[in-house]
């Protein structure tokens, strides 16, 4: 067991700089953030909220950047889940659009949206992805910024904390 673990550790260190290894890691771990929709948000008004997102694989690199040699990074999945309260109905939204950018808000690009959200959809929602933009520069940053534009259909009585999960795919 110790020998196998040692071989795996040595192999991981040797391949840490390899573009295939970096693209596999980048494609395995999604970017996640929690965004809060304040209960004071007016209905039928275009609003925006933003937060910093991180991918689990970034924690393995001292500067948070493990994507030096990856390219053609694209969003392949986008999901919103009600985190708190867990039974918050995402049908309270009539429209959601997600954008990703560098942490300083520069180079913002659209990545997902849903403009036809039905009432009473539940606490989880898969968005339609827009993978027409490569995110190579954004994922080379230690953190990325996710901004959500939204329009509320109904007034909400609680601050809704939503977990945003963006899956990406990268090429070596």
N, C-alpha and C. Protein backbone atom coordinates (compact mmCIF):
# COMPACT_ATOMS: atom_id res chain seq x y z
N UNK A 1 0.83 -1.19 0.00
CA UNK A 1 0.00 0.00 0.00
C UNK A 1 0.87 1.25 0.00
N UNK A 2 1.91 1.27 0.83
CA UNK A 2 2.79 2.44 0.90
C UNK A 2 3.53 2.64 -0.41
N UNK A 3 3.93 1.52 -1.05
CA UNK A 3 4.65 1.61 -2.31
C UNK A 3 3.74 2.19 -3.41
N UNK A 4 2.51 1.74 -3.44
CA UNK A 4 1.56 2.24 -4.43
C UNK A 4 1.29 3.73 -4.22
N UNK A 5 1.12 4.13 -2.97
CA UNK A 5 0.89 5.53 -2.66
C UNK A 5 2.08 6.38 -3.06
N UNK A 6 3.27 5.88 -2.82
CA UNK A 6 4.49 6.60 -3.20
C UNK A 6 4.58 6.77 -4.71
N UNK A 7 4.25 5.73 -5.45
CA UNK A 7 4.30 5.79 -6.91
C UNK A 7 3.29 6.80 -7.43
N UNK A 8 2.11 6.80 -6.86
CA UNK A 8 1.08 7.75 -7.28
C UNK A 8 1.53 9.18 -6.98
N UNK A 9 2.09 9.42 -5.82
CA UNK A 9 2.55 10.76 -5.46
C UNK A 9 3.68 11.24 -6.37
N UNK A 10 4.63 10.38 -6.65
CA UNK A 10 5.74 10.74 -7.53
C UNK A 10 5.23 11.00 -8.95
N UNK A 11 4.33 10.17 -9.42
CA UNK A 11 3.76 10.36 -10.75
C UNK A 11 3.01 11.69 -10.84
N UNK A 12 2.26 12.00 -9.81
CA UNK A 12 1.51 13.26 -9.80
C UNK A 12 2.46 14.45 -9.85
N UNK A 13 3.55 14.38 -9.12
CA UNK A 13 4.53 15.47 -9.14
C UNK A 13 5.19 15.60 -10.50
N UNK A 14 5.51 14.48 -11.13
CA UNK A 14 6.15 14.52 -12.44
C UNK A 14 5.24 15.09 -13.51
N UNK A 15 3.96 14.76 -13.42
CA UNK A 15 3.03 15.21 -14.44
C UNK A 15 2.34 16.53 -14.11
N UNK A 16 2.69 17.16 -13.00
CA UNK A 16 2.03 18.40 -12.59
C UNK A 16 2.17 19.50 -13.62
N UNK A 17 3.26 19.53 -14.35
CA UNK A 17 3.46 20.54 -15.37
C UNK A 17 2.95 20.13 -16.72
N UNK A 18 2.51 18.93 -16.87
CA UNK A 18 2.05 18.40 -18.15
C UNK A 18 0.69 18.99 -18.52
N UNK A 19 0.53 19.40 -19.77
CA UNK A 19 -0.72 20.00 -20.20
C UNK A 19 -1.89 19.02 -20.15
N UNK A 20 -1.63 17.75 -20.40
CA UNK A 20 -2.70 16.75 -20.32
C UNK A 20 -3.21 16.64 -18.89
N UNK A 21 -2.29 16.61 -17.95
CA UNK A 21 -2.64 16.54 -16.53
C UNK A 21 -3.43 17.78 -16.12
N UNK A 22 -2.95 18.96 -16.52
CA UNK A 22 -3.62 20.20 -16.16
C UNK A 22 -5.02 20.28 -16.76
N UNK A 23 -5.18 19.86 -18.01
CA UNK A 23 -6.51 19.92 -18.62
C UNK A 23 -7.45 18.90 -17.99
N UNK A 24 -6.92 17.74 -17.60
CA UNK A 24 -7.76 16.74 -16.92
C UNK A 24 -8.24 17.27 -15.58
N UNK A 25 -7.35 17.90 -14.82
CA UNK A 25 -7.75 18.48 -13.54
C UNK A 25 -8.78 19.59 -13.73
N UNK A 26 -8.52 20.47 -14.67
CA UNK A 26 -9.42 21.59 -14.91
C UNK A 26 -10.80 21.10 -15.35
N UNK A 27 -10.86 20.01 -16.08
CA UNK A 27 -12.12 19.47 -16.57
C UNK A 27 -12.86 18.65 -15.52
N UNK A 28 -12.19 18.30 -14.43
CA UNK A 28 -12.79 17.45 -13.42
C UNK A 28 -13.54 18.24 -12.35
N UNK A 29 -13.00 19.38 -11.95
CA UNK A 29 -13.56 20.11 -10.82
C UNK A 29 -14.29 21.37 -11.30
N UNK A 30 -15.57 21.52 -10.96
CA UNK A 30 -16.34 22.70 -11.41
C UNK A 30 -15.99 23.95 -10.60
N UNK A 31 -16.35 25.08 -11.14
CA UNK A 31 -16.26 26.34 -10.40
C UNK A 31 -17.55 26.51 -9.62
N UNK A 32 -17.43 26.90 -8.34
CA UNK A 32 -18.60 27.05 -7.48
C UNK A 32 -18.55 28.36 -6.73
N UNK A 33 -19.72 28.90 -6.49
CA UNK A 33 -19.86 30.07 -5.64
C UNK A 33 -21.28 30.09 -5.07
N UNK A 34 -21.45 30.85 -4.00
CA UNK A 34 -22.77 31.08 -3.42
C UNK A 34 -23.12 32.55 -3.64
N UNK A 35 -24.28 32.79 -4.23
CA UNK A 35 -24.77 34.15 -4.45
C UNK A 35 -26.02 34.35 -3.62
N UNK A 36 -26.16 35.54 -3.03
CA UNK A 36 -27.30 35.85 -2.19
C UNK A 36 -28.25 36.82 -2.90
N UNK A 37 -29.50 36.42 -2.98
CA UNK A 37 -30.54 37.27 -3.54
C UNK A 37 -31.27 37.90 -2.35
N UNK A 38 -31.15 39.21 -2.17
CA UNK A 38 -31.78 39.84 -1.01
C UNK A 38 -33.31 39.84 -1.09
N UNK A 39 -33.93 39.67 0.05
CA UNK A 39 -35.40 39.67 0.07
C UNK A 39 -35.98 41.03 -0.30
N UNK A 40 -35.15 42.06 -0.29
CA UNK A 40 -35.60 43.39 -0.66
C UNK A 40 -35.59 43.62 -2.17
N UNK A 41 -35.20 42.61 -2.95
CA UNK A 41 -35.14 42.75 -4.41
C UNK A 41 -36.53 43.00 -4.99
N UNK A 42 -36.66 44.04 -5.82
CA UNK A 42 -37.97 44.30 -6.43
C UNK A 42 -38.29 43.29 -7.53
N UNK A 43 -39.55 43.10 -7.81
CA UNK A 43 -39.97 42.20 -8.88
C UNK A 43 -39.97 42.94 -10.22
N UNK A 44 -39.91 42.16 -11.29
CA UNK A 44 -39.96 42.67 -12.67
C UNK A 44 -38.93 43.76 -12.96
N UNK A 45 -37.77 43.66 -12.34
CA UNK A 45 -36.67 44.60 -12.54
C UNK A 45 -35.41 43.80 -12.79
N UNK A 46 -34.62 44.21 -13.77
CA UNK A 46 -33.37 43.52 -14.04
C UNK A 46 -32.35 43.88 -12.95
N UNK A 47 -31.89 42.86 -12.23
CA UNK A 47 -30.96 43.05 -11.11
C UNK A 47 -29.72 42.22 -11.35
N UNK A 48 -28.70 42.45 -10.53
CA UNK A 48 -27.44 41.74 -10.69
C UNK A 48 -26.80 41.49 -9.33
N UNK A 49 -26.14 40.35 -9.21
CA UNK A 49 -25.38 40.00 -8.02
C UNK A 49 -24.15 39.24 -8.48
N UNK A 50 -23.03 39.41 -7.76
CA UNK A 50 -21.79 38.76 -8.19
C UNK A 50 -21.05 38.17 -7.00
N UNK A 51 -20.20 37.20 -7.29
CA UNK A 51 -19.40 36.57 -6.26
C UNK A 51 -18.15 35.94 -6.86
N UNK A 52 -17.22 35.62 -6.00
CA UNK A 52 -15.98 34.99 -6.42
C UNK A 52 -16.16 33.48 -6.43
N UNK A 53 -15.72 32.87 -7.52
CA UNK A 53 -15.82 31.41 -7.65
C UNK A 53 -14.43 30.81 -7.68
N UNK A 54 -14.35 29.60 -7.20
CA UNK A 54 -13.10 28.86 -7.19
C UNK A 54 -13.37 27.43 -7.58
N UNK A 55 -12.35 26.80 -8.11
CA UNK A 55 -12.42 25.39 -8.44
C UNK A 55 -11.54 24.65 -7.43
N UNK A 56 -11.97 23.48 -7.01
CA UNK A 56 -11.24 22.71 -5.99
C UNK A 56 -9.80 22.45 -6.40
N UNK A 57 -9.54 22.25 -7.69
CA UNK A 57 -8.18 21.94 -8.13
C UNK A 57 -7.23 23.11 -7.93
N UNK A 58 -7.74 24.32 -7.79
CA UNK A 58 -6.87 25.48 -7.57
C UNK A 58 -6.18 25.42 -6.22
N UNK A 59 -6.73 24.71 -5.28
CA UNK A 59 -6.14 24.61 -3.95
C UNK A 59 -4.85 23.80 -3.95
N UNK A 60 -4.56 23.07 -5.02
CA UNK A 60 -3.36 22.25 -5.08
C UNK A 60 -2.15 23.01 -5.60
N UNK A 61 -2.31 24.25 -5.95
CA UNK A 61 -1.21 25.03 -6.51
C UNK A 61 -0.96 26.23 -5.63
N UNK A 62 0.29 26.55 -5.40
CA UNK A 62 0.63 27.60 -4.44
C UNK A 62 0.09 28.97 -4.81
N UNK A 63 -0.06 29.26 -6.10
CA UNK A 63 -0.58 30.57 -6.47
C UNK A 63 -2.02 30.48 -6.98
N UNK A 64 -2.67 29.35 -6.84
CA UNK A 64 -4.05 29.19 -7.23
C UNK A 64 -4.25 29.00 -8.72
N UNK A 65 -3.16 28.91 -9.48
CA UNK A 65 -3.27 28.81 -10.94
C UNK A 65 -2.62 27.52 -11.40
N UNK A 66 -3.41 26.60 -11.88
CA UNK A 66 -2.87 25.34 -12.38
C UNK A 66 -3.20 25.16 -13.85
N UNK A 67 -3.48 26.26 -14.55
CA UNK A 67 -3.98 26.15 -15.92
C UNK A 67 -3.06 26.82 -16.93
N UNK A 68 -1.78 26.89 -16.65
CA UNK A 68 -0.85 27.55 -17.56
C UNK A 68 -0.86 26.96 -18.95
N UNK A 69 -1.03 25.66 -19.05
CA UNK A 69 -0.87 25.00 -20.34
C UNK A 69 -2.17 24.46 -20.93
N UNK A 70 -3.31 24.91 -20.41
CA UNK A 70 -4.57 24.45 -20.99
C UNK A 70 -5.09 25.50 -21.96
N UNK A 71 -5.94 25.05 -22.87
CA UNK A 71 -6.52 25.97 -23.83
C UNK A 71 -7.93 25.52 -24.16
N UNK A 72 -8.63 26.36 -24.89
CA UNK A 72 -9.97 26.05 -25.33
C UNK A 72 -10.88 25.63 -24.17
N UNK A 73 -10.81 26.39 -23.07
CA UNK A 73 -11.64 26.12 -21.90
C UNK A 73 -13.04 26.65 -22.17
N UNK A 74 -14.02 25.79 -22.01
CA UNK A 74 -15.41 26.16 -22.29
C UNK A 74 -16.32 25.61 -21.20
N UNK A 75 -17.39 26.32 -20.94
CA UNK A 75 -18.40 25.85 -19.99
C UNK A 75 -19.19 24.73 -20.67
N UNK A 76 -19.37 23.62 -19.95
CA UNK A 76 -20.13 22.50 -20.49
C UNK A 76 -21.40 22.21 -19.68
N UNK A 77 -21.50 22.81 -18.49
CA UNK A 77 -22.71 22.63 -17.69
C UNK A 77 -22.86 23.81 -16.74
N UNK A 78 -24.09 24.14 -16.43
CA UNK A 78 -24.39 25.23 -15.49
C UNK A 78 -25.63 24.86 -14.71
N UNK A 79 -25.50 24.92 -13.40
CA UNK A 79 -26.60 24.52 -12.53
C UNK A 79 -26.72 25.50 -11.37
N UNK A 80 -27.94 25.78 -10.98
CA UNK A 80 -28.23 26.60 -9.80
C UNK A 80 -29.04 25.75 -8.84
N UNK A 81 -28.61 25.74 -7.58
CA UNK A 81 -29.30 24.97 -6.55
C UNK A 81 -29.57 25.89 -5.37
N UNK A 82 -30.76 25.83 -4.84
CA UNK A 82 -31.09 26.59 -3.64
C UNK A 82 -30.36 25.99 -2.46
N UNK A 83 -29.49 26.78 -1.85
CA UNK A 83 -28.67 26.31 -0.74
C UNK A 83 -29.33 26.60 0.60
N UNK A 84 -29.86 27.82 0.77
CA UNK A 84 -30.49 28.20 2.03
C UNK A 84 -31.52 29.28 1.74
N UNK A 85 -32.77 29.05 1.93
CA UNK A 85 -33.36 27.79 2.36
C UNK A 85 -33.32 26.75 1.24
N UNK A 86 -33.20 25.53 1.63
CA UNK A 86 -33.04 24.46 0.64
C UNK A 86 -34.30 24.23 -0.19
N UNK A 87 -35.44 24.69 0.29
CA UNK A 87 -36.68 24.50 -0.47
C UNK A 87 -37.10 25.77 -1.23
N UNK A 88 -36.18 26.72 -1.38
CA UNK A 88 -36.50 27.94 -2.12
C UNK A 88 -36.81 27.58 -3.57
N UNK A 89 -37.94 28.06 -4.06
CA UNK A 89 -38.39 27.73 -5.42
C UNK A 89 -37.74 28.68 -6.43
N UNK A 90 -36.93 28.13 -7.32
CA UNK A 90 -36.29 28.94 -8.35
C UNK A 90 -37.29 29.44 -9.38
N UNK A 91 -38.52 28.99 -9.30
CA UNK A 91 -39.60 29.52 -10.11
C UNK A 91 -39.97 30.94 -9.74
N UNK A 92 -39.41 31.45 -8.64
CA UNK A 92 -39.59 32.86 -8.29
C UNK A 92 -38.87 33.77 -9.29
N UNK A 93 -37.94 33.21 -10.06
CA UNK A 93 -37.24 33.97 -11.09
C UNK A 93 -37.95 33.78 -12.42
N UNK A 94 -38.00 34.83 -13.22
CA UNK A 94 -38.51 34.67 -14.57
C UNK A 94 -37.37 34.55 -15.57
N UNK A 95 -36.16 35.02 -15.17
CA UNK A 95 -35.01 35.00 -16.07
C UNK A 95 -33.73 35.02 -15.24
N UNK A 96 -32.72 34.26 -15.71
CA UNK A 96 -31.38 34.24 -15.09
C UNK A 96 -30.35 34.19 -16.21
N UNK A 97 -29.30 35.01 -16.08
CA UNK A 97 -28.16 34.95 -16.99
C UNK A 97 -26.89 34.97 -16.16
N UNK A 98 -25.94 34.09 -16.52
CA UNK A 98 -24.66 34.02 -15.82
C UNK A 98 -23.54 34.50 -16.72
N UNK A 99 -22.60 35.23 -16.11
CA UNK A 99 -21.42 35.74 -16.79
C UNK A 99 -20.21 35.37 -15.96
N UNK A 100 -19.08 35.15 -16.62
CA UNK A 100 -17.83 34.86 -15.92
C UNK A 100 -16.80 35.89 -16.38
N UNK A 101 -15.93 36.27 -15.45
CA UNK A 101 -14.89 37.25 -15.77
C UNK A 101 -13.70 37.02 -14.85
N UNK A 102 -12.64 37.77 -15.10
CA UNK A 102 -11.52 37.78 -14.18
C UNK A 102 -12.00 38.40 -12.87
N UNK A 103 -11.24 38.21 -11.81
CA UNK A 103 -11.66 38.69 -10.49
C UNK A 103 -11.88 40.20 -10.47
N UNK A 104 -11.19 40.95 -11.33
CA UNK A 104 -11.34 42.41 -11.36
C UNK A 104 -12.50 42.85 -12.25
N UNK A 105 -13.34 41.94 -12.67
CA UNK A 105 -14.52 42.17 -13.52
C UNK A 105 -14.20 42.41 -14.99
N UNK A 106 -12.94 42.31 -15.37
CA UNK A 106 -12.59 42.53 -16.78
C UNK A 106 -12.82 41.24 -17.57
N UNK A 107 -12.96 41.40 -18.86
CA UNK A 107 -13.13 40.29 -19.80
C UNK A 107 -14.36 39.44 -19.48
N UNK A 108 -15.46 40.08 -19.15
CA UNK A 108 -16.69 39.35 -18.83
C UNK A 108 -17.31 38.75 -20.09
N UNK A 109 -17.71 37.50 -19.99
CA UNK A 109 -18.37 36.81 -21.11
C UNK A 109 -19.60 36.06 -20.59
N UNK A 110 -20.64 35.96 -21.41
CA UNK A 110 -21.82 35.19 -21.01
C UNK A 110 -21.51 33.69 -21.07
N UNK A 111 -22.01 32.93 -20.09
CA UNK A 111 -21.75 31.49 -20.08
C UNK A 111 -23.01 30.64 -19.98
N UNK A 112 -24.11 31.19 -19.46
CA UNK A 112 -25.32 30.38 -19.32
C UNK A 112 -26.52 31.29 -19.09
N UNK A 113 -27.69 30.77 -19.42
CA UNK A 113 -28.91 31.56 -19.18
C UNK A 113 -30.12 30.66 -19.19
N UNK A 114 -31.21 31.21 -18.71
CA UNK A 114 -32.52 30.58 -18.83
C UNK A 114 -33.52 31.74 -18.80
N UNK A 115 -34.21 31.92 -19.89
CA UNK A 115 -35.14 33.04 -20.00
C UNK A 115 -36.60 32.60 -19.94
N UNK A 116 -36.81 31.32 -19.80
CA UNK A 116 -38.18 30.79 -19.78
C UNK A 116 -38.45 29.95 -18.54
N UNK A 117 -38.04 30.46 -17.39
CA UNK A 117 -38.21 29.70 -16.15
C UNK A 117 -39.70 29.64 -15.80
N UNK A 118 -40.17 28.44 -15.56
CA UNK A 118 -41.59 28.27 -15.23
C UNK A 118 -41.80 28.38 -13.72
N UNK A 119 -42.96 28.85 -13.31
CA UNK A 119 -43.26 28.91 -11.88
C UNK A 119 -43.22 27.50 -11.27
N UNK A 120 -42.85 27.43 -10.03
CA UNK A 120 -42.83 26.19 -9.26
C UNK A 120 -41.89 25.15 -9.87
N UNK A 121 -40.73 25.60 -10.38
CA UNK A 121 -39.77 24.70 -11.01
C UNK A 121 -39.01 23.85 -9.97
N UNK A 122 -38.96 24.31 -8.73
CA UNK A 122 -38.27 23.56 -7.69
C UNK A 122 -37.01 24.25 -7.23
N UNK A 123 -36.17 23.52 -6.51
CA UNK A 123 -34.98 24.13 -5.90
C UNK A 123 -33.70 23.90 -6.69
N UNK A 124 -33.80 23.36 -7.88
CA UNK A 124 -32.63 23.10 -8.72
C UNK A 124 -32.99 23.42 -10.17
N UNK A 125 -32.03 24.02 -10.88
CA UNK A 125 -32.31 24.44 -12.24
C UNK A 125 -31.05 24.29 -13.09
N UNK A 126 -31.18 23.60 -14.21
CA UNK A 126 -30.11 23.48 -15.19
C UNK A 126 -30.29 24.62 -16.19
N UNK A 127 -29.21 25.33 -16.47
CA UNK A 127 -29.27 26.45 -17.40
C UNK A 127 -28.79 26.02 -18.79
N UNK A 128 -29.20 26.79 -19.78
CA UNK A 128 -28.72 26.59 -21.15
C UNK A 128 -27.34 27.22 -21.24
N UNK A 129 -26.35 26.46 -21.68
CA UNK A 129 -24.99 26.98 -21.71
C UNK A 129 -24.71 27.72 -23.00
N UNK A 130 -23.79 28.67 -22.89
CA UNK A 130 -23.27 29.40 -24.04
C UNK A 130 -21.78 29.13 -24.04
N UNK A 131 -21.34 28.17 -24.84
CA UNK A 131 -19.92 27.82 -24.86
C UNK A 131 -19.23 28.37 -26.10
N UNK A 132 -19.75 29.48 -26.60
CA UNK A 132 -19.16 30.09 -27.79
C UNK A 132 -17.91 30.91 -27.46
N UNK A 133 -17.65 31.11 -26.17
CA UNK A 133 -16.49 31.90 -25.76
C UNK A 133 -15.48 31.02 -25.02
N UNK A 134 -14.22 31.10 -25.42
CA UNK A 134 -13.16 30.40 -24.68
C UNK A 134 -12.85 31.20 -23.42
N UNK A 135 -12.61 30.49 -22.32
CA UNK A 135 -12.35 31.11 -21.03
C UNK A 135 -10.91 30.91 -20.58
N UNK A 136 -10.00 30.79 -21.55
CA UNK A 136 -8.61 30.48 -21.24
C UNK A 136 -7.99 31.47 -20.27
N UNK A 137 -8.16 32.75 -20.50
CA UNK A 137 -7.53 33.77 -19.65
C UNK A 137 -8.19 33.83 -18.27
N UNK A 138 -9.50 33.66 -18.22
CA UNK A 138 -10.20 33.74 -16.94
C UNK A 138 -9.77 32.62 -15.99
N UNK A 139 -9.61 31.40 -16.51
CA UNK A 139 -9.27 30.28 -15.61
C UNK A 139 -7.80 30.26 -15.23
N UNK A 140 -7.00 31.11 -15.82
CA UNK A 140 -5.59 31.21 -15.41
C UNK A 140 -5.43 32.11 -14.20
N UNK A 141 -6.50 32.73 -13.77
CA UNK A 141 -6.51 33.57 -12.58
C UNK A 141 -6.72 32.70 -11.33
N UNK A 142 -6.23 33.17 -10.17
CA UNK A 142 -6.48 32.41 -8.93
C UNK A 142 -7.97 32.29 -8.59
N UNK A 143 -8.73 33.31 -8.95
CA UNK A 143 -10.18 33.31 -8.73
C UNK A 143 -10.86 33.87 -9.97
N UNK A 144 -12.10 33.51 -10.15
CA UNK A 144 -12.90 34.11 -11.22
C UNK A 144 -14.14 34.73 -10.57
N UNK A 145 -14.75 35.61 -11.30
CA UNK A 145 -15.96 36.29 -10.81
C UNK A 145 -17.14 35.77 -11.62
N UNK A 146 -18.20 35.41 -10.92
CA UNK A 146 -19.44 35.02 -11.57
C UNK A 146 -20.49 36.07 -11.22
N UNK A 147 -21.10 36.60 -12.25
CA UNK A 147 -22.17 37.59 -12.07
C UNK A 147 -23.46 37.00 -12.60
N UNK A 148 -24.50 37.18 -11.83
CA UNK A 148 -25.81 36.68 -12.23
C UNK A 148 -26.76 37.86 -12.41
N UNK A 149 -27.31 37.99 -13.60
CA UNK A 149 -28.41 38.91 -13.84
C UNK A 149 -29.69 38.13 -13.63
N UNK A 150 -30.67 38.76 -13.02
CA UNK A 150 -31.92 38.05 -12.78
C UNK A 150 -33.09 39.01 -12.74
N UNK A 151 -34.24 38.44 -12.93
CA UNK A 151 -35.49 39.17 -12.81
C UNK A 151 -36.41 38.30 -11.96
N UNK A 152 -36.91 38.86 -10.87
CA UNK A 152 -37.83 38.13 -10.01
C UNK A 152 -39.25 38.25 -10.53
N UNK A 153 -39.93 37.13 -10.53
CA UNK A 153 -41.34 37.08 -10.91
C UNK A 153 -42.19 37.43 -9.68
N UNK A 154 -41.78 36.89 -8.54
CA UNK A 154 -42.53 37.06 -7.29
C UNK A 154 -41.64 37.70 -6.23
N UNK A 155 -42.26 38.41 -5.32
CA UNK A 155 -41.53 38.94 -4.16
C UNK A 155 -41.12 37.75 -3.28
N UNK A 156 -39.89 37.79 -2.76
CA UNK A 156 -39.42 36.71 -1.88
C UNK A 156 -39.36 37.22 -0.44
N UNK A 157 -39.65 36.33 0.50
CA UNK A 157 -39.72 36.70 1.92
C UNK A 157 -38.44 36.42 2.69
N UNK A 158 -37.45 35.80 2.04
CA UNK A 158 -36.18 35.46 2.71
C UNK A 158 -35.02 35.81 1.78
N UNK A 159 -33.85 36.00 2.37
CA UNK A 159 -32.64 36.10 1.56
C UNK A 159 -32.35 34.71 1.03
N UNK A 160 -32.27 34.58 -0.27
CA UNK A 160 -32.04 33.27 -0.89
C UNK A 160 -30.57 33.12 -1.23
N UNK A 161 -29.95 32.07 -0.73
CA UNK A 161 -28.55 31.76 -1.01
C UNK A 161 -28.53 30.65 -2.06
N UNK A 162 -27.99 30.98 -3.23
CA UNK A 162 -27.99 30.05 -4.35
C UNK A 162 -26.58 29.58 -4.65
N UNK A 163 -26.42 28.28 -4.83
CA UNK A 163 -25.13 27.70 -5.19
C UNK A 163 -25.08 27.60 -6.71
N UNK A 164 -24.06 28.25 -7.29
CA UNK A 164 -23.85 28.22 -8.73
C UNK A 164 -22.72 27.24 -9.01
N UNK A 165 -22.93 26.31 -9.92
CA UNK A 165 -21.93 25.30 -10.26
C UNK A 165 -21.73 25.33 -11.78
N UNK A 166 -20.49 25.69 -12.20
CA UNK A 166 -20.16 25.72 -13.61
C UNK A 166 -19.12 24.66 -13.93
N UNK A 167 -19.50 23.68 -14.74
CA UNK A 167 -18.55 22.66 -15.19
C UNK A 167 -17.84 23.14 -16.43
N UNK A 168 -16.53 22.94 -16.49
CA UNK A 168 -15.76 23.36 -17.66
C UNK A 168 -15.02 22.17 -18.26
N UNK A 169 -14.66 22.32 -19.52
CA UNK A 169 -13.88 21.31 -20.23
C UNK A 169 -12.69 22.05 -20.84
N UNK A 170 -11.51 21.46 -20.73
CA UNK A 170 -10.30 22.09 -21.25
C UNK A 170 -9.56 21.13 -22.17
N UNK A 171 -8.79 21.69 -23.09
CA UNK A 171 -7.94 20.91 -23.98
C UNK A 171 -6.48 21.14 -23.61
N UNK A 172 -5.64 20.12 -23.77
CA UNK A 172 -4.22 20.31 -23.47
C UNK A 172 -3.53 21.18 -24.52
